[in-house]
Amino acid sequence: MPNNKKEKIAPPEIGPYVFPTLLLIFGLWCFYDGWLTSDPAMKEHLLLNRIGSIILLPWAIIDFIRTRKINRADKLSATSPNGSDNERKS
């Protein structure tokens, strides 16, 4: 054993668009089951799927836009030499 110290390993990072993508997929699934399907077995879950699609689809879109704005701001601050100091001077 060359290294007896316990090194703390950083947890794996996931992409910033994973959560909005999962919301979108689940929202589309609820939309299909609530509004488009003609399966009589799904009649019992109709209201749940309709409400789920109404909530999840806008949430996915809003979260995607918010994540994209945050990523663009991070990239912009990383490329500018002074970060947000330029905004304060103007």
PDB file of N, CA and C in Angstrom:
ATOM      1  N   MET A   1       0.825  -1.191   0.000  1.00  0.00           N
ATOM      2  CA  MET A   1       0.000   0.000   0.000  1.00  0.00           C
ATOM      3  C   MET A   1       0.867   1.251   0.000  1.00  0.00           C
ATOM      4  N   PRO A   2       1.041   1.861  -1.118  1.00  0.00           N
ATOM      5  CA  PRO A   2       1.888   3.039  -1.189  1.00  0.00           C
ATOM      6  C   PRO A   2       1.254   4.274  -0.554  1.00  0.00           C
ATOM      7  N   ASN A   3      -0.069   4.393  -0.573  1.00  0.00           N
ATOM      8  CA  ASN A   3      -0.719   5.593  -0.055  1.00  0.00           C
ATOM      9  C   ASN A   3      -1.758   5.180   0.987  1.00  0.00           C
ATOM     10  N   ASN A   4      -1.471   5.464   2.262  1.00  0.00           N
ATOM     11  CA  ASN A   4      -2.381   5.083   3.329  1.00  0.00           C
ATOM     12  C   ASN A   4      -3.427   6.145   3.623  1.00  0.00           C
ATOM     13  N   LYS A   5      -3.266   7.335   3.074  1.00  0.00           N
ATOM     14  CA  LYS A   5      -4.232   8.410   3.308  1.00  0.00           C
ATOM     15  C   LYS A   5      -5.525   8.112   2.564  1.00  0.00           C
ATOM     16  N   LYS A   6      -6.612   8.516   3.194  1.00  0.00           N
ATOM     17  CA  LYS A   6      -7.905   8.395   2.500  1.00  0.00           C
ATOM     18  C   LYS A   6      -8.132   9.676   1.715  1.00  0.00           C
ATOM     19  N   GLU A   7      -8.110   9.535   0.411  1.00  0.00           N
ATOM     20  CA  GLU A   7      -8.343  10.686  -0.445  1.00  0.00           C
ATOM     21  C   GLU A   7      -9.823  10.791  -0.749  1.00  0.00           C
ATOM     22  N   LYS A   8     -10.323  11.993  -0.645  1.00  0.00           N
ATOM     23  CA  LYS A   8     -11.730  12.217  -0.926  1.00  0.00           C
ATOM     24  C   LYS A   8     -11.918  12.361  -2.423  1.00  0.00           C
ATOM     25  N   ILE A   9     -12.705  11.480  -2.974  1.00  0.00           N
ATOM     26  CA  ILE A   9     -12.963  11.486  -4.410  1.00  0.00           C
ATOM     27  C   ILE A   9     -14.216  12.309  -4.676  1.00  0.00           C
ATOM     28  N   ALA A  10     -14.128  13.177  -5.648  1.00  0.00           N
ATOM     29  CA  ALA A  10     -15.270  14.028  -5.997  1.00  0.00           C
ATOM     30  C   ALA A  10     -16.367  13.165  -6.621  1.00  0.00           C
ATOM     31  N   PRO A  11     -17.611  13.482  -6.319  1.00  0.00           N
ATOM     32  CA  PRO A  11     -18.698  12.715  -6.932  1.00  0.00           C
ATOM     33  C   PRO A  11     -18.763  12.988  -8.438  1.00  0.00           C
ATOM     34  N   PRO A  12     -19.273  12.052  -9.194  1.00  0.00           N
ATOM     35  CA  PRO A  12     -19.353  12.268 -10.641  1.00  0.00           C
ATOM     36  C   PRO A  12     -20.334  13.389 -10.965  1.00  0.00           C
ATOM     37  N   GLU A  13     -19.993  14.153 -11.960  1.00  0.00           N
ATOM     38  CA  GLU A  13     -20.849  15.258 -12.381  1.00  0.00           C
ATOM     39  C   GLU A  13     -21.757  14.799 -13.517  1.00  0.00           C
ATOM     40  N   ILE A  14     -22.981  15.285 -13.482  1.00  0.00           N
ATOM     41  CA  ILE A  14     -23.897  15.008 -14.579  1.00  0.00           C
ATOM     42  C   ILE A  14     -24.057  16.281 -15.393  1.00  0.00           C
ATOM     43  N   GLY A  15     -24.496  16.133 -16.598  1.00  0.00           N
ATOM     44  CA  GLY A  15     -24.686  17.287 -17.464  1.00  0.00           C
ATOM     45  C   GLY A  15     -25.798  18.183 -16.955  1.00  0.00           C
ATOM     46  N   PRO A  16     -25.738  19.455 -17.278  1.00  0.00           N
ATOM     47  CA  PRO A  16     -26.745  20.387 -16.779  1.00  0.00           C
ATOM     48  C   PRO A  16     -28.121  20.196 -17.414  1.00  0.00           C
ATOM     49  N   TYR A  17     -28.183  19.504 -18.534  1.00  0.00           N
ATOM     50  CA  TYR A  17     -29.458  19.337 -19.227  1.00  0.00           C
ATOM     51  C   TYR A  17     -30.135  17.997 -18.939  1.00  0.00           C
ATOM     52  N   VAL A  18     -29.625  17.234 -17.990  1.00  0.00           N
ATOM     53  CA  VAL A  18     -30.218  15.934 -17.677  1.00  0.00           C
ATOM     54  C   VAL A  18     -31.607  16.115 -17.061  1.00  0.00           C
ATOM     55  N   PHE A  19     -31.734  16.991 -16.076  1.00  0.00           N
ATOM     56  CA  PHE A  19     -33.022  17.182 -15.412  1.00  0.00           C
ATOM     57  C   PHE A  19     -34.090  17.726 -16.363  1.00  0.00           C
ATOM     58  N   PRO A  20     -33.803  18.777 -17.154  1.00  0.00           N
ATOM     59  CA  PRO A  20     -34.829  19.232 -18.105  1.00  0.00           C
ATOM     60  C   PRO A  20     -35.213  18.166 -19.124  1.00  0.00           C
ATOM     61  N   THR A  21     -34.256  17.338 -19.527  1.00  0.00           N
ATOM     62  CA  THR A  21     -34.554  16.268 -20.481  1.00  0.00           C
ATOM     63  C   THR A  21     -35.472  15.223 -19.863  1.00  0.00           C
ATOM     64  N   LEU A  22     -35.201  14.850 -18.624  1.00  0.00           N
ATOM     65  CA  LEU A  22     -36.071  13.887 -17.942  1.00  0.00           C
ATOM     66  C   LEU A  22     -37.477  14.454 -17.731  1.00  0.00           C
ATOM     67  N   LEU A  23     -37.553  15.728 -17.384  1.00  0.00           N
ATOM     68  CA  LEU A  23     -38.868  16.365 -17.252  1.00  0.00           C
ATOM     69  C   LEU A  23     -39.623  16.339 -18.573  1.00  0.00           C
ATOM     70  N   LEU A  24     -38.930  16.650 -19.652  1.00  0.00           N
ATOM     71  CA  LEU A  24     -39.556  16.670 -20.965  1.00  0.00           C
ATOM     72  C   LEU A  24     -40.049  15.289 -21.368  1.00  0.00           C
ATOM     73  N   ILE A  25     -39.226  14.268 -21.160  1.00  0.00           N
ATOM     74  CA  ILE A  25     -39.622  12.904 -21.531  1.00  0.00           C
ATOM     75  C   ILE A  25     -40.841  12.462 -20.726  1.00  0.00           C
ATOM     76  N   PHE A  26     -40.814  12.687 -19.430  1.00  0.00           N
ATOM     77  CA  PHE A  26     -41.945  12.285 -18.605  1.00  0.00           C
ATOM     78  C   PHE A  26     -43.189  13.111 -18.937  1.00  0.00           C
ATOM     79  N   GLY A  27     -43.007  14.405 -19.238  1.00  0.00           N
ATOM     80  CA  GLY A  27     -44.134  15.249 -19.627  1.00  0.00           C
ATOM     81  C   GLY A  27     -44.750  14.809 -20.941  1.00  0.00           C
ATOM     82  N   LEU A  28     -43.918  14.410 -21.904  1.00  0.00           N
ATOM     83  CA  LEU A  28     -44.449  13.907 -23.175  1.00  0.00           C
ATOM     84  C   LEU A  28     -45.178  12.583 -22.991  1.00  0.00           C
ATOM     85  N   TRP A  29     -44.666  11.757 -22.108  1.00  0.00           N
ATOM     86  CA  TRP A  29     -45.329  10.491 -21.805  1.00  0.00           C
ATOM     87  C   TRP A  29     -46.709  10.754 -21.195  1.00  0.00           C
ATOM     88  N   CYS A  30     -46.772  11.673 -20.234  1.00  0.00           N
ATOM     89  CA  CYS A  30     -48.058  12.023 -19.631  1.00  0.00           C
ATOM     90  C   CYS A  30     -48.992  12.653 -20.661  1.00  0.00           C
ATOM     91  N   PHE A  31     -48.438  13.483 -21.549  1.00  0.00           N
ATOM     92  CA  PHE A  31     -49.252  14.109 -22.588  1.00  0.00           C
ATOM     93  C   PHE A  31     -49.871  13.057 -23.494  1.00  0.00           C
ATOM     94  N   TYR A  32     -49.071  12.087 -23.910  1.00  0.00           N
ATOM     95  CA  TYR A  32     -49.587  11.036 -24.784  1.00  0.00           C
ATOM     96  C   TYR A  32     -50.668  10.221 -24.073  1.00  0.00           C
ATOM     97  N   ASP A  33     -50.377   9.808 -22.844  1.00  0.00           N
ATOM     98  CA  ASP A  33     -51.344   8.990 -22.108  1.00  0.00           C
ATOM     99  C   ASP A  33     -52.601   9.766 -21.726  1.00  0.00           C
ATOM    100  N   GLY A  34     -52.484  11.063 -21.547  1.00  0.00           N
ATOM    101  CA  GLY A  34     -53.632  11.849 -21.109  1.00  0.00           C
ATOM    102  C   GLY A  34     -54.475  12.421 -22.227  1.00  0.00           C
ATOM    103  N   TRP A  35     -53.862  12.738 -23.359  1.00  0.00           N
ATOM    104  CA  TRP A  35     -54.580  13.445 -24.414  1.00  0.00           C
ATOM    105  C   TRP A  35     -54.712  12.659 -25.717  1.00  0.00           C
ATOM    106  N   LEU A  36     -53.770  11.806 -26.056  1.00  0.00           N
ATOM    107  CA  LEU A  36     -53.754  11.189 -27.379  1.00  0.00           C
ATOM    108  C   LEU A  36     -54.139   9.716 -27.412  1.00  0.00           C
ATOM    109  N   THR A  37     -53.933   8.991 -26.346  1.00  0.00           N
ATOM    110  CA  THR A  37     -54.160   7.554 -26.386  1.00  0.00           C
ATOM    111  C   THR A  37     -55.649   7.210 -26.392  1.00  0.00           C
ATOM    112  N   SER A  38     -55.961   6.111 -27.014  1.00  0.00           N
ATOM    113  CA  SER A  38     -57.341   5.633 -27.025  1.00  0.00           C
ATOM    114  C   SER A  38     -57.469   4.313 -26.269  1.00  0.00           C
ATOM    115  N   ASP A  39     -56.459   3.987 -25.488  1.00  0.00           N
ATOM    116  CA  ASP A  39     -56.440   2.755 -24.706  1.00  0.00           C
ATOM    117  C   ASP A  39     -57.461   2.863 -23.561  1.00  0.00           C
ATOM    118  N   PRO A  40     -58.451   1.964 -23.517  1.00  0.00           N
ATOM    119  CA  PRO A  40     -59.464   2.055 -22.452  1.00  0.00           C
ATOM    120  C   PRO A  40     -58.890   1.815 -21.059  1.00  0.00           C
ATOM    121  N   ALA A  41     -57.778   1.128 -20.941  1.00  0.00           N
ATOM    122  CA  ALA A  41     -57.177   0.900 -19.623  1.00  0.00           C
ATOM    123  C   ALA A  41     -56.600   2.185 -19.038  1.00  0.00           C
ATOM    124  N   MET A  42     -56.289   3.160 -19.881  1.00  0.00           N
ATOM    125  CA  MET A  42     -55.710   4.413 -19.395  1.00  0.00           C
ATOM    126  C   MET A  42     -56.771   5.426 -18.970  1.00  0.00           C
ATOM    127  N   LYS A  43     -58.039   5.127 -19.166  1.00  0.00           N
ATOM    128  CA  LYS A  43     -59.115   6.049 -18.784  1.00  0.00           C
ATOM    129  C   LYS A  43     -59.089   6.335 -17.286  1.00  0.00           C
ATOM    130  N   GLU A  44     -58.654   5.354 -16.508  1.00  0.00           N
ATOM    131  CA  GLU A  44     -58.643   5.529 -15.064  1.00  0.00           C
ATOM    132  C   GLU A  44     -57.541   6.506 -14.623  1.00  0.00           C
ATOM    133  N   HIS A  45     -56.496   6.692 -15.434  1.00  0.00           N
ATOM    134  CA  HIS A  45     -55.383   7.597 -15.109  1.00  0.00           C
ATOM    135  C   HIS A  45     -55.411   8.866 -15.957  1.00  0.00           C
ATOM    136  N   LEU A  46     -56.519   9.122 -16.615  1.00  0.00           N
ATOM    137  CA  LEU A  46     -56.608  10.230 -17.560  1.00  0.00           C
ATOM    138  C   LEU A  46     -56.328  11.578 -16.905  1.00  0.00           C
ATOM    139  N   LEU A  47     -56.977  11.866 -15.795  1.00  0.00           N
ATOM    140  CA  LEU A  47     -56.819  13.165 -15.143  1.00  0.00           C
ATOM    141  C   LEU A  47     -55.395  13.358 -14.626  1.00  0.00           C
ATOM    142  N   LEU A  48     -54.826  12.323 -14.030  1.00  0.00           N
ATOM    143  CA  LEU A  48     -53.446  12.408 -13.531  1.00  0.00           C
ATOM    144  C   LEU A  48     -52.478  12.727 -14.663  1.00  0.00           C
ATOM    145  N   ASN A  49     -52.622  12.056 -15.791  1.00  0.00           N
ATOM    146  CA  ASN A  49     -51.716  12.286 -16.918  1.00  0.00           C
ATOM    147  C   ASN A  49     -51.919  13.662 -17.540  1.00  0.00           C
ATOM    148  N   ARG A  50     -53.137  14.132 -17.587  1.00  0.00           N
ATOM    149  CA  ARG A  50     -53.371  15.470 -18.144  1.00  0.00           C
ATOM    150  C   ARG A  50     -52.773  16.548 -17.247  1.00  0.00           C
ATOM    151  N   ILE A  51     -52.988  16.427 -15.952  1.00  0.00           N
ATOM    152  CA  ILE A  51     -52.409  17.403 -15.022  1.00  0.00           C
ATOM    153  C   ILE A  51     -50.890  17.307 -15.043  1.00  0.00           C
ATOM    154  N   GLY A  52     -50.374  16.084 -15.089  1.00  0.00           N
ATOM    155  CA  GLY A  52     -48.921  15.904 -15.158  1.00  0.00           C
ATOM    156  C   GLY A  52     -48.314  16.550 -16.387  1.00  0.00           C
ATOM    157  N   SER A  53     -48.972  16.411 -17.521  1.00  0.00           N
ATOM    158  CA  SER A  53     -48.434  17.029 -18.742  1.00  0.00           C
ATOM    159  C   SER A  53     -48.514  18.547 -18.680  1.00  0.00           C
ATOM    160  N   ILE A  54     -49.577  19.063 -18.088  1.00  0.00           N
ATOM    161  CA  ILE A  54     -49.723  20.522 -17.970  1.00  0.00           C
ATOM    162  C   ILE A  54     -48.650  21.107 -17.059  1.00  0.00           C
ATOM    163  N   ILE A  55     -48.233  20.364 -16.056  1.00  0.00           N
ATOM    164  CA  ILE A  55     -47.207  20.846 -15.130  1.00  0.00           C
ATOM    165  C   ILE A  55     -45.804  20.591 -15.668  1.00  0.00           C
ATOM    166  N   LEU A  56     -45.542  19.384 -16.149  1.00  0.00           N
ATOM    167  CA  LEU A  56     -44.175  18.987 -16.478  1.00  0.00           C
ATOM    168  C   LEU A  56     -43.635  19.614 -17.762  1.00  0.00           C
ATOM    169  N   LEU A  57     -44.469  19.774 -18.781  1.00  0.00           N
ATOM    170  CA  LEU A  57     -43.954  20.326 -20.042  1.00  0.00           C
ATOM    171  C   LEU A  57     -43.501  21.788 -19.905  1.00  0.00           C
ATOM    172  N   PRO A  58     -44.316  22.676 -19.316  1.00  0.00           N
ATOM    173  CA  PRO A  58     -43.798  24.044 -19.123  1.00  0.00           C
ATOM    174  C   PRO A  58     -42.588  24.097 -18.178  1.00  0.00           C
ATOM    175  N   TRP A  59     -42.593  23.239 -17.155  1.00  0.00           N
ATOM    176  CA  TRP A  59     -41.468  23.195 -16.230  1.00  0.00           C
ATOM    177  C   TRP A  59     -40.189  22.803 -16.967  1.00  0.00           C
ATOM    178  N   ALA A  60     -40.278  21.830 -17.859  1.00  0.00           N
ATOM    179  CA  ALA A  60     -39.107  21.402 -18.626  1.00  0.00           C
ATOM    180  C   ALA A  60     -38.596  22.528 -19.516  1.00  0.00           C
ATOM    181  N   ILE A  61     -39.502  23.242 -20.161  1.00  0.00           N
ATOM    182  CA  ILE A  61     -39.103  24.344 -21.045  1.00  0.00           C
ATOM    183  C   ILE A  61     -38.464  25.470 -20.246  1.00  0.00           C
ATOM    184  N   ILE A  62     -39.076  25.840 -19.129  1.00  0.00           N
ATOM    185  CA  ILE A  62     -38.534  26.911 -18.289  1.00  0.00           C
ATOM    186  C   ILE A  62     -37.169  26.517 -17.739  1.00  0.00           C
ATOM    187  N   ASP A  63     -37.026  25.286 -17.287  1.00  0.00           N
ATOM    188  CA  ASP A  63     -35.753  24.835 -16.726  1.00  0.00           C
ATOM    189  C   ASP A  63     -34.669  24.754 -17.807  1.00  0.00           C
ATOM    190  N   PHE A  64     -35.038  24.353 -19.015  1.00  0.00           N
ATOM    191  CA  PHE A  64     -34.077  24.321 -20.120  1.00  0.00           C
ATOM    192  C   PHE A  64     -33.572  25.728 -20.426  1.00  0.00           C
ATOM    193  N   ILE A  65     -34.484  26.693 -20.514  1.00  0.00           N
ATOM    194  CA  ILE A  65     -34.097  28.083 -20.806  1.00  0.00           C
ATOM    195  C   ILE A  65     -33.229  28.646 -19.688  1.00  0.00           C
ATOM    196  N   ARG A  66     -33.601  28.373 -18.444  1.00  0.00           N
ATOM    197  CA  ARG A  66     -32.834  28.871 -17.304  1.00  0.00           C
ATOM    198  C   ARG A  66     -31.429  28.253 -17.282  1.00  0.00           C
ATOM    199  N   THR A  67     -31.331  26.971 -17.561  1.00  0.00           N
ATOM    200  CA  THR A  67     -30.037  26.302 -17.587  1.00  0.00           C
ATOM    201  C   THR A  67     -29.165  26.844 -18.713  1.00  0.00           C
ATOM    202  N   ARG A  68     -29.764  27.091 -19.867  1.00  0.00           N
ATOM    203  CA  ARG A  68     -29.008  27.644 -20.993  1.00  0.00           C
ATOM    204  C   ARG A  68     -28.489  29.045 -20.670  1.00  0.00           C
ATOM    205  N   LYS A  69     -29.312  29.871 -20.008  1.00  0.00           N
ATOM    206  CA  LYS A  69     -28.864  31.219 -19.630  1.00  0.00           C
ATOM    207  C   LYS A  69     -27.712  31.151 -18.630  1.00  0.00           C
ATOM    208  N   ILE A  70     -27.802  30.251 -17.670  1.00  0.00           N
ATOM    209  CA  ILE A  70     -26.742  30.111 -16.672  1.00  0.00           C
ATOM    210  C   ILE A  70     -25.450  29.648 -17.334  1.00  0.00           C
ATOM    211  N   ASN A  71     -25.545  28.696 -18.248  1.00  0.00           N
ATOM    212  CA  ASN A  71     -24.344  28.213 -18.943  1.00  0.00           C
ATOM    213  C   ASN A  71     -23.720  29.299 -19.802  1.00  0.00           C
ATOM    214  N   ARG A  72     -24.551  30.072 -20.476  1.00  0.00           N
ATOM    215  CA  ARG A  72     -24.004  31.165 -21.301  1.00  0.00           C
ATOM    216  C   ARG A  72     -23.331  32.218 -20.432  1.00  0.00           C
ATOM    217  N   ALA A  73     -23.935  32.540 -19.288  1.00  0.00           N
ATOM    218  CA  ALA A  73     -23.333  33.522 -18.387  1.00  0.00           C
ATOM    219  C   ALA A  73     -22.014  33.007 -17.821  1.00  0.00           C
ATOM    220  N   ASP A  74     -21.956  31.717 -17.507  1.00  0.00           N
ATOM    221  CA  ASP A  74     -20.709  31.136 -17.011  1.00  0.00           C
ATOM    222  C   ASP A  74     -19.621  31.181 -18.077  1.00  0.00           C
ATOM    223  N   LYS A  75     -19.970  30.855 -19.320  1.00  0.00           N
ATOM    224  CA  LYS A  75     -18.986  30.894 -20.399  1.00  0.00           C
ATOM    225  C   LYS A  75     -18.538  32.322 -20.667  1.00  0.00           C
ATOM    226  N   LEU A  76     -19.461  33.273 -20.599  1.00  0.00           N
ATOM    227  CA  LEU A  76     -19.122  34.667 -20.841  1.00  0.00           C
ATOM    228  C   LEU A  76     -18.202  35.194 -19.743  1.00  0.00           C
ATOM    229  N   SER A  77     -18.485  34.855 -18.498  1.00  0.00           N
ATOM    230  CA  SER A  77     -17.628  35.324 -17.406  1.00  0.00           C
ATOM    231  C   SER A  77     -16.270  34.634 -17.435  1.00  0.00           C
ATOM    232  N   ALA A  78     -16.204  33.421 -17.958  1.00  0.00           N
ATOM    233  CA  ALA A  78     -14.921  32.718 -18.059  1.00  0.00           C
ATOM    234  C   ALA A  78     -14.056  33.300 -19.169  1.00  0.00           C
ATOM    235  N   THR A  79     -14.679  33.818 -20.216  1.00  0.00           N
ATOM    236  CA  THR A  79     -13.900  34.361 -21.330  1.00  0.00           C
ATOM    237  C   THR A  79     -13.497  35.818 -21.100  1.00  0.00           C
ATOM    238  N   SER A  80     -14.283  36.559 -20.326  1.00  0.00           N
ATOM    239  CA  SER A  80     -13.918  37.958 -20.092  1.00  0.00           C
ATOM    240  C   SER A  80     -12.824  38.027 -19.024  1.00  0.00           C
ATOM    241  N   PRO A  81     -11.863  38.929 -19.185  1.00  0.00           N
ATOM    242  CA  PRO A  81     -10.726  38.967 -18.255  1.00  0.00           C
ATOM    243  C   PRO A  81     -11.109  39.376 -16.835  1.00  0.00           C
ATOM    244  N   ASN A  82     -12.069  40.285 -16.679  1.00  0.00           N
ATOM    245  CA  ASN A  82     -12.419  40.776 -15.354  1.00  0.00           C
ATOM    246  C   ASN A  82     -13.724  40.210 -14.827  1.00  0.00           C
ATOM    247  N   GLY A  83     -14.349  39.315 -15.543  1.00  0.00           N
ATOM    248  CA  GLY A  83     -15.614  38.739 -15.088  1.00  0.00           C
ATOM    249  C   GLY A  83     -16.727  39.753 -15.150  1.00  0.00           C
ATOM    250  N   SER A  84     -17.367  40.022 -14.038  1.00  0.00           N
ATOM    251  CA  SER A  84     -18.508  40.941 -14.017  1.00  0.00           C
ATOM    252  C   SER A  84     -18.095  42.365 -13.669  1.00  0.00           C
ATOM    253  N   ASP A  85     -16.790  42.676 -13.590  1.00  0.00           N
ATOM    254  CA  ASP A  85     -16.352  44.036 -13.267  1.00  0.00           C
ATOM    255  C   ASP A  85     -16.719  45.015 -14.364  1.00  0.00           C
ATOM    256  N   ASN A  86     -16.769  44.563 -15.619  1.00  0.00           N
ATOM    257  CA  ASN A  86     -17.108  45.439 -16.725  1.00  0.00           C
ATOM    258  C   ASN A  86     -18.546  45.938 -16.617  1.00  0.00           C
ATOM    259  N   GLU A  87     -19.445  45.138 -16.083  1.00  0.00           N
ATOM    260  CA  GLU A  87     -20.836  45.551 -15.960  1.00  0.00           C
ATOM    261  C   GLU A  87     -20.995  46.629 -14.897  1.00  0.00           C
ATOM    262  N   ARG A  88     -20.202  46.593 -13.854  1.00  0.00           N
ATOM    263  CA  ARG A  88     -20.326  47.561 -12.766  1.00  0.00           C
ATOM    264  C   ARG A  88     -19.821  48.940 -13.180  1.00  0.00           C
ATOM    265  N   LYS A  89     -18.836  48.999 -14.079  1.00  0.00           N
ATOM    266  CA  LYS A  89     -18.268  50.286 -14.484  1.00  0.00           C
ATOM    267  C   LYS A  89     -19.176  51.051 -15.427  1.00  0.00           C
ATOM    268  N   SER A  90     -20.051  50.359 -16.171  1.00  0.00           N
ATOM    269  CA  SER A  90     -20.889  51.070 -17.127  1.00  0.00           C
ATOM    270  C   SER A  90     -22.096  51.678 -16.508  1.00  0.00           C
TER     271      SER A  90
END
